[in-house]
Amino acid sequence: MPSGLDNQLIAAAWKNDVPEAKRLIAAGADVNALDDTVQSAFLIAASEGYLDLLNVTLAHGADVRSLDSYHGTALIRAAERGHAAVVGRLLQAGVAVDHVNNLGWTALHEAVLLGKGTPQYVDTVRLLIAGGADRNKPAVNDGTTPVQAAKTRGQTAVSAALADGHQASGLQDGRAAADALLAAASSGDADKVAAALAAGAPIESRDDRRRTALLLASLNDRVDAARLLVQLGADPDAQDDRKDSAWLVTGVTGSVAMLETLLPANPDLTLRNRFGGISVIPASERGHVDYVRRVVKTKIDVNHVNDLGWTALLEAIILGKGTKPWQDIVQILVDAGADPSLADKDGVTPLRHAESSGYDEIARILRAAGAR
């Protein structure tokens, strides 16, 4: 029987109260303790899609082999509801991908039979395929395979993902699988990304320029492929032979969608490119207003100085065009705490650069921020 602390933890889990869950765990509550409905904090986090809570339970000894009242795993519970990010995390944690519950179904069966064919279920199916799920495994009761079930239910995108899953058997050579992964990530074919991973391609495979699949997806703004890779644990900080990383190139492309896709992977915001800069600097130089507006809301250092001796504010002025996008960026940076008095290596301040370039509106913004 669960203790009083265990019952409190289960109640906190239903509420997705992560701070309270952490407090109770520190006090001795067991993340694997089951109540009389065969629920634990770990199983609840999986079924409800509470990723932060799930990570807390995994960090404190969650038993990935634990089963619910249907003799199902946490993976089956998450797949049924299309909690793709949770599915990816559980696959990383080693939950058995083809476990069969007492309904005769695997996680892949439940994602199709009880799913809706919506994007979240498509992501879920891709993740399961990448994790090695058997797409042709018959259900115990009626013999229906996931492939057949998707086709019968008119789940076109799910069917396409399952169809591409058969390519895994044709990629016997490790290098061929890795090349297929890199090509699929670059082109944005998430179904083929899943198939290549299922064939054994290492998720951190690199091309001849040391670019990973996630870096190629980010560089080409392939959000679906990047999301799949992130959910399976791809490294956003892996750098190529030019010191670019998946995260750093978002500052070059200006893709807010890719930024949002990579943030759950906890990229290193201090990682430097070949110029010693962080992502906000090239974004400011290139006039990526929406990107700068979003990235300054992270913990990124808006006063970082690169190897040229320039901050994002200086690059926006020196290498920008002084027009509305760069005016907006200067205002955004100043509002986010950029120091308008930080001069370049020659002692020239942002205000002097703006004045010498005839950027009157930018000069006005800087003066209003107290620049001299």
Protein backbone atom coordinates (compact mmCIF):
# COMPACT_ATOMS: atom_id res chain seq x y z
CA MET A 1 0.00 0.00 0.00
CA PRO A 2 1.26 3.50 -0.77
CA SER A 3 2.23 5.69 2.15
CA GLY A 4 0.69 9.03 2.95
CA LEU A 5 3.52 10.77 1.10
CA ASP A 6 3.02 8.48 -1.89
CA ASN A 7 -0.67 9.33 -2.05
CA GLN A 8 0.16 13.02 -1.86
CA LEU A 9 2.63 12.57 -4.72
CA ILE A 10 0.00 10.83 -6.84
CA ALA A 11 -2.42 13.69 -6.14
CA ALA A 12 0.26 16.23 -7.10
CA ALA A 13 0.94 14.27 -10.29
CA TRP A 14 -2.69 14.48 -11.37
CA LYS A 15 -2.44 18.27 -10.91
CA ASN A 16 0.92 18.41 -12.73
CA ASP A 17 2.27 20.27 -9.71
CA VAL A 18 5.98 19.78 -10.38
CA PRO A 19 7.32 21.86 -7.43
CA GLU A 20 5.10 19.94 -5.00
CA ALA A 21 6.12 16.65 -6.59
CA LYS A 22 9.78 17.53 -6.13
CA ARG A 23 9.17 18.45 -2.51
CA LEU A 24 7.37 15.18 -1.80
CA ILE A 25 10.03 13.10 -3.55
CA ALA A 26 12.72 14.83 -1.50
CA ALA A 27 10.71 13.94 1.59
CA GLY A 28 10.69 10.26 0.60
CA ALA A 29 7.70 9.73 -1.69
CA ASP A 30 8.09 6.90 -4.22
CA VAL A 31 7.52 7.75 -7.90
CA ASN A 32 6.66 4.08 -8.54
CA ALA A 33 4.12 3.66 -5.73
CA LEU A 34 0.78 2.41 -7.10
CA ASP A 35 -2.62 3.35 -5.72
CA ASP A 36 -5.66 1.07 -5.77
CA THR A 37 -6.35 2.03 -9.42
CA VAL A 38 -2.79 0.99 -10.38
CA GLN A 39 -1.64 4.55 -10.95
CA SER A 40 1.76 5.96 -10.02
CA ALA A 41 3.27 9.42 -10.46
CA PHE A 42 5.35 8.01 -13.32
CA LEU A 43 2.42 6.41 -15.14
CA ILE A 44 0.25 9.50 -14.64
CA ALA A 45 2.94 11.78 -16.09
CA ALA A 46 3.08 9.55 -19.18
CA SER A 47 -0.66 9.25 -19.77
CA GLU A 48 -1.36 12.94 -19.18
CA GLY A 49 1.55 14.20 -21.27
CA TYR A 50 3.31 15.97 -18.40
CA LEU A 51 6.86 16.01 -19.76
CA ASP A 52 8.52 18.01 -16.98
CA LEU A 53 6.93 15.78 -14.36
CA LEU A 54 7.95 12.70 -16.32
CA ASN A 55 11.57 13.88 -16.32
CA VAL A 56 11.41 14.36 -12.56
CA THR A 57 10.12 10.81 -12.05
CA LEU A 58 12.77 9.37 -14.38
CA ALA A 59 15.47 11.27 -12.52
CA HIS A 60 14.24 9.72 -9.27
CA GLY A 61 14.15 6.07 -10.21
CA ALA A 62 10.98 5.58 -12.24
CA ASP A 63 10.68 1.93 -13.23
CA VAL A 64 10.25 1.95 -17.01
CA ARG A 65 8.98 -1.65 -16.81
CA SER A 66 6.05 -0.76 -14.56
CA LEU A 67 2.57 -1.65 -15.84
CA ASP A 68 -0.91 -0.21 -15.38
CA SER A 69 -4.22 -1.99 -14.84
CA TYR A 70 -4.34 -2.95 -18.53
CA HIS A 71 -0.88 -4.51 -18.21
CA GLY A 72 0.32 -1.65 -20.38
CA THR A 73 3.52 0.37 -20.23
CA ALA A 74 3.89 4.11 -19.86
CA LEU A 75 4.74 4.16 -23.57
CA ILE A 76 1.41 2.60 -24.52
CA ARG A 77 -0.46 5.15 -22.38
CA ALA A 78 1.37 8.08 -23.99
CA ALA A 79 1.02 6.71 -27.53
CA GLU A 80 -2.72 6.24 -27.14
CA ARG A 81 -3.12 9.96 -26.45
CA GLY A 82 -0.58 11.17 -28.99
CA HIS A 83 1.81 12.68 -26.45
CA ALA A 84 4.71 12.67 -28.90
CA ALA A 85 7.28 14.44 -26.72
CA VAL A 86 6.58 11.98 -23.91
CA VAL A 87 6.80 9.04 -26.32
CA GLY A 88 10.22 10.24 -27.45
CA ARG A 89 11.44 10.64 -23.89
CA LEU A 90 10.21 7.18 -22.92
CA LEU A 91 11.94 5.63 -25.92
CA GLN A 92 15.16 7.29 -24.79
CA ALA A 93 14.56 5.88 -21.31
CA GLY A 94 14.34 2.35 -22.71
CA VAL A 95 10.67 1.44 -22.38
CA ALA A 96 9.97 -1.72 -24.41
CA VAL A 97 8.57 -0.54 -27.74
CA ASP A 98 6.63 -3.70 -28.69
CA HIS A 99 5.19 -4.66 -25.30
CA VAL A 100 1.65 -6.07 -25.67
CA ASN A 101 -1.04 -5.12 -23.13
CA ASN A 102 -4.02 -7.25 -22.11
CA LEU A 103 -6.04 -5.79 -24.98
CA GLY A 104 -3.53 -7.41 -27.32
CA TRP A 105 -2.07 -4.11 -28.52
CA THR A 106 1.35 -2.48 -28.68
CA ALA A 107 2.00 1.25 -28.43
CA LEU A 108 1.92 1.45 -32.23
CA HIS A 109 -1.45 -0.31 -32.34
CA GLU A 110 -2.88 2.14 -29.82
CA ALA A 111 -1.49 5.19 -31.64
CA VAL A 112 -3.34 4.04 -34.76
CA LEU A 113 -6.44 2.26 -33.43
CA LEU A 114 -7.21 4.83 -30.75
CA GLY A 115 -5.54 7.79 -32.45
CA LYS A 116 -7.06 10.37 -34.76
CA GLY A 117 -4.46 10.59 -37.51
CA THR A 118 -3.74 14.21 -36.54
CA PRO A 119 -0.23 15.70 -36.61
CA GLN A 120 0.47 14.74 -33.01
CA TYR A 121 -0.34 11.12 -33.82
CA VAL A 122 1.73 11.24 -36.99
CA ASP A 123 4.67 12.40 -34.86
CA THR A 124 3.95 9.63 -32.37
CA VAL A 125 3.92 6.97 -35.08
CA ARG A 126 7.17 8.28 -36.56
CA LEU A 127 8.82 8.15 -33.15
CA LEU A 128 7.68 4.59 -32.56
CA ILE A 129 8.94 3.53 -36.00
CA ALA A 130 12.28 5.20 -35.27
CA GLY A 131 12.36 3.33 -31.97
CA GLY A 132 12.02 0.00 -33.76
CA ALA A 133 8.29 -0.70 -33.43
CA ASP A 134 7.04 -3.61 -35.53
CA ARG A 135 4.65 -2.06 -38.06
CA ASN A 136 3.42 -5.51 -39.16
CA LYS A 137 2.82 -6.99 -35.72
CA PRO A 138 -0.73 -8.43 -35.60
CA ALA A 139 -3.06 -7.54 -32.74
CA VAL A 140 -3.69 -10.54 -30.52
CA ASN A 141 -7.47 -10.55 -30.82
CA ASP A 142 -8.17 -9.91 -34.50
CA GLY A 143 -4.78 -10.03 -36.19
CA THR A 144 -4.94 -6.42 -37.44
CA THR A 145 -1.54 -4.86 -38.07
CA PRO A 146 -0.83 -1.15 -37.57
CA VAL A 147 -0.39 -0.81 -41.35
CA GLN A 148 -3.81 -2.33 -42.01
CA ALA A 149 -5.47 -0.33 -39.25
CA ALA A 150 -4.16 3.00 -40.57
CA LYS A 151 -5.30 2.21 -44.09
CA THR A 152 -8.76 1.09 -42.95
CA ARG A 153 -9.22 4.28 -40.92
CA GLY A 154 -8.14 6.55 -43.75
CA GLN A 155 -5.20 7.91 -41.78
CA THR A 156 -3.27 9.03 -44.84
CA ALA A 157 -0.26 10.65 -43.16
CA VAL A 158 0.07 7.80 -40.66
CA SER A 159 -0.13 5.30 -43.51
CA ALA A 160 2.64 7.16 -45.33
CA ALA A 161 4.88 7.02 -42.26
CA LEU A 162 4.21 3.31 -41.87
CA ALA A 163 4.84 2.70 -45.57
CA ASP A 164 8.20 4.43 -45.37
CA GLY A 165 8.96 2.25 -42.37
CA HIS A 166 9.50 -0.70 -44.68
CA GLN A 167 12.59 1.02 -46.08
CA ALA A 168 14.39 0.19 -42.86
CA SER A 169 14.79 -3.40 -44.01
CA GLY A 170 16.53 -2.23 -47.18
CA LEU A 171 19.25 -0.29 -45.33
CA GLN A 172 21.45 -3.10 -44.11
CA ASP A 173 24.74 -1.22 -44.33
CA GLY A 174 25.43 1.18 -41.47
CA ARG A 175 26.85 3.89 -43.70
CA ALA A 176 23.87 3.60 -46.05
CA ALA A 177 21.50 4.11 -43.12
CA ALA A 178 23.49 7.11 -41.91
CA ASP A 179 23.54 8.65 -45.39
CA ALA A 180 19.80 8.08 -45.70
CA LEU A 181 19.26 9.82 -42.37
CA LEU A 182 21.31 12.85 -43.36
CA ALA A 183 19.62 13.13 -46.75
CA ALA A 184 16.15 12.83 -45.23
CA ALA A 185 16.89 15.44 -42.56
CA SER A 186 18.23 17.84 -45.18
CA SER A 187 15.20 17.42 -47.44
CA GLY A 188 12.77 17.46 -44.52
CA ASP A 189 11.30 13.99 -45.06
CA ALA A 190 10.46 13.05 -41.48
CA ASP A 191 9.08 9.65 -42.51
CA LYS A 192 12.42 8.73 -44.05
CA VAL A 193 14.24 10.10 -41.00
CA ALA A 194 12.26 7.65 -38.87
CA ALA A 195 12.96 4.79 -41.30
CA ALA A 196 16.70 5.49 -41.30
CA LEU A 197 16.81 5.56 -37.50
CA ALA A 198 14.90 2.28 -37.41
CA ALA A 199 17.53 0.84 -39.76
CA GLY A 200 20.19 1.64 -37.20
CA ALA A 201 21.52 5.01 -38.29
CA PRO A 202 23.13 6.71 -35.27
CA ILE A 203 21.18 9.84 -34.46
CA GLU A 204 24.44 11.81 -34.34
CA SER A 205 25.61 10.60 -37.78
CA ARG A 206 27.73 13.22 -39.58
CA ASP A 207 28.45 14.06 -43.21
CA ASP A 208 31.87 14.93 -44.65
CA ARG A 209 31.55 18.43 -43.16
CA ARG A 210 30.71 16.98 -39.75
CA ARG A 211 27.12 18.19 -39.96
CA THR A 212 24.60 16.13 -38.00
CA ALA A 213 21.07 15.35 -39.12
CA LEU A 214 19.69 17.95 -36.71
CA LEU A 215 22.08 20.61 -37.98
CA LEU A 216 21.07 19.86 -41.58
CA ALA A 217 17.38 20.02 -40.66
CA SER A 218 17.92 23.35 -38.89
CA LEU A 219 20.02 24.80 -41.68
CA ASN A 220 17.29 23.99 -44.21
CA ASP A 221 14.42 24.92 -41.84
CA ARG A 222 12.94 21.39 -41.86
CA VAL A 223 10.85 21.69 -38.72
CA ASP A 224 9.07 18.31 -38.83
CA ALA A 225 12.34 16.42 -39.21
CA ALA A 226 14.02 18.51 -36.52
CA ARG A 227 11.16 17.97 -34.09
CA LEU A 228 11.42 14.20 -34.51
CA LEU A 229 15.17 14.30 -33.92
CA VAL A 230 14.83 16.55 -30.88
CA GLN A 231 12.22 14.29 -29.33
CA LEU A 232 14.63 11.38 -29.69
CA GLY A 233 17.44 13.25 -27.98
CA ALA A 234 19.51 14.71 -30.83
CA ASP A 235 22.20 17.14 -29.68
CA PRO A 236 21.41 20.79 -30.61
CA ASP A 237 24.99 21.80 -29.75
CA ALA A 238 26.94 19.41 -32.02
CA GLN A 239 29.18 21.62 -34.15
CA ASP A 240 30.45 21.02 -37.68
CA ASP A 241 33.80 21.92 -39.23
CA ARG A 242 32.72 25.59 -39.35
CA LYS A 243 31.62 25.55 -35.70
CA ASP A 244 27.96 25.84 -36.70
CA SER A 245 25.38 23.99 -34.62
CA ALA A 246 21.66 23.42 -35.05
CA TRP A 247 20.98 26.20 -32.54
CA LEU A 248 23.57 28.65 -33.85
CA VAL A 249 22.29 28.53 -37.43
CA THR A 250 18.84 29.65 -36.31
CA GLY A 251 20.41 33.07 -35.82
CA VAL A 252 21.47 33.00 -39.46
CA THR A 253 18.20 31.69 -40.91
CA GLY A 254 16.04 33.70 -38.53
CA SER A 255 13.58 30.84 -38.19
CA VAL A 256 11.43 31.35 -35.11
CA ALA A 257 9.73 28.01 -35.78
CA MET A 258 13.08 26.22 -35.62
CA LEU A 259 14.05 28.18 -32.52
CA GLU A 260 10.89 26.96 -30.80
CA THR A 261 11.55 23.40 -32.00
CA LEU A 262 15.07 23.38 -30.56
CA LEU A 263 14.39 25.07 -27.22
CA PRO A 264 12.99 21.87 -25.61
CA ALA A 265 16.42 20.31 -26.29
CA ASN A 266 17.97 22.89 -23.94
CA PRO A 267 20.58 24.25 -26.36
CA ASP A 268 23.67 25.93 -24.95
CA LEU A 269 22.89 29.62 -25.41
CA THR A 270 26.54 30.49 -24.77
CA LEU A 271 27.90 28.30 -27.57
CA ARG A 272 30.04 30.36 -29.96
CA ASN A 273 30.26 30.27 -33.75
CA ARG A 274 33.50 30.66 -35.73
CA PHE A 275 33.37 34.42 -35.16
CA GLY A 276 32.99 33.98 -31.41
CA GLY A 277 29.37 35.05 -31.59
CA ILE A 278 26.12 33.65 -30.22
CA SER A 279 22.88 33.33 -32.17
CA VAL A 280 21.46 36.77 -31.39
CA ILE A 281 24.41 38.49 -33.10
CA PRO A 282 23.99 37.21 -36.69
CA ALA A 283 20.23 37.56 -36.30
CA SER A 284 20.67 41.23 -35.41
CA GLU A 285 23.07 41.78 -38.29
CA ARG A 286 20.68 40.23 -40.80
CA GLY A 287 17.56 42.05 -39.68
CA HIS A 288 15.65 39.04 -38.35
CA VAL A 289 13.25 41.09 -36.23
CA ASP A 290 10.90 38.31 -35.11
CA TYR A 291 13.79 36.05 -34.20
CA VAL A 292 15.50 38.73 -32.10
CA ARG A 293 12.21 39.56 -30.42
CA ARG A 294 11.81 35.91 -29.41
CA VAL A 295 15.39 35.02 -28.55
CA VAL A 296 15.84 37.91 -26.10
CA LYS A 297 13.07 36.31 -24.02
CA THR A 298 15.40 33.39 -23.34
CA LYS A 299 18.44 33.67 -21.07
CA ILE A 300 20.71 34.63 -23.96
CA ASP A 301 23.32 37.31 -23.21
CA VAL A 302 22.38 40.36 -25.27
CA ASN A 303 25.70 41.98 -24.33
CA HIS A 304 27.92 39.14 -25.54
CA VAL A 305 31.00 40.41 -27.39
CA ASN A 306 32.29 38.38 -30.35
CA ASP A 307 35.87 38.06 -31.62
CA LEU A 308 35.46 41.21 -33.71
CA GLY A 309 34.68 43.14 -30.55
CA TRP A 310 31.05 43.62 -31.50
CA THR A 311 27.81 43.04 -29.62
CA ALA A 312 24.46 42.32 -31.26
CA LEU A 313 23.69 46.03 -30.94
CA LEU A 314 26.89 47.02 -32.71
CA GLU A 315 26.34 44.48 -35.51
CA ALA A 316 22.79 45.71 -36.05
CA ILE A 317 24.19 49.19 -36.60
CA ILE A 318 27.53 48.55 -38.31
CA LEU A 319 26.35 45.78 -40.66
CA GLY A 320 22.67 46.68 -40.83
CA LYS A 321 20.99 49.10 -43.21
CA GLY A 322 19.49 51.52 -40.73
CA THR A 323 15.97 50.89 -42.02
CA LYS A 324 12.88 49.78 -40.11
CA PRO A 325 13.94 46.16 -39.38
CA TRP A 326 17.22 47.30 -37.83
CA GLN A 327 15.55 50.17 -36.02
CA ASP A 328 13.16 47.64 -34.49
CA ILE A 329 16.03 45.34 -33.54
CA VAL A 330 17.94 48.14 -31.84
CA GLN A 331 14.83 48.99 -29.83
CA ILE A 332 14.24 45.34 -28.93
CA LEU A 333 17.84 44.87 -27.82
CA VAL A 334 17.84 48.05 -25.73
CA ASP A 335 14.55 47.07 -24.11
CA ALA A 336 16.05 43.64 -23.34
CA GLY A 337 19.01 45.17 -21.51
CA ALA A 338 21.61 45.71 -24.23
CA ASP A 339 24.14 48.25 -22.99
CA PRO A 340 24.20 51.20 -25.44
CA SER A 341 27.54 52.35 -24.03
CA LEU A 342 29.50 49.19 -24.94
CA ALA A 343 31.99 50.37 -27.57
CA ASP A 344 33.87 48.36 -30.19
CA LYS A 345 37.60 47.54 -30.03
CA ASP A 346 38.43 51.04 -31.24
CA GLY A 347 36.32 52.67 -28.56
CA VAL A 348 33.56 53.71 -30.97
CA THR A 349 30.14 53.54 -29.33
CA PRO A 350 26.89 52.38 -30.96
CA LEU A 351 25.66 55.99 -30.94
CA ARG A 352 28.72 57.28 -32.79
CA HIS A 353 28.39 54.50 -35.36
CA ALA A 354 24.72 55.36 -35.88
CA GLU A 355 25.45 59.07 -36.22
CA SER A 356 28.33 58.56 -38.65
CA SER A 357 26.12 56.32 -40.82
CA GLY A 358 23.27 58.84 -40.82
CA TYR A 359 20.92 56.47 -39.00
CA ASP A 360 18.94 59.22 -37.28
CA GLU A 361 16.15 57.01 -35.89
CA ILE A 362 18.59 54.52 -34.42
CA ALA A 363 20.56 57.40 -32.89
CA ARG A 364 17.33 58.70 -31.36
CA ILE A 365 16.58 55.29 -29.83
CA LEU A 366 20.08 55.09 -28.37
CA ARG A 367 19.95 58.61 -26.92
CA ALA A 368 16.59 57.79 -25.33
CA ALA A 369 18.29 54.78 -23.71
CA GLY A 370 20.95 57.07 -22.21
CA ALA A 371 23.70 56.55 -24.79
CA ARG A 372 26.29 59.26 -25.24
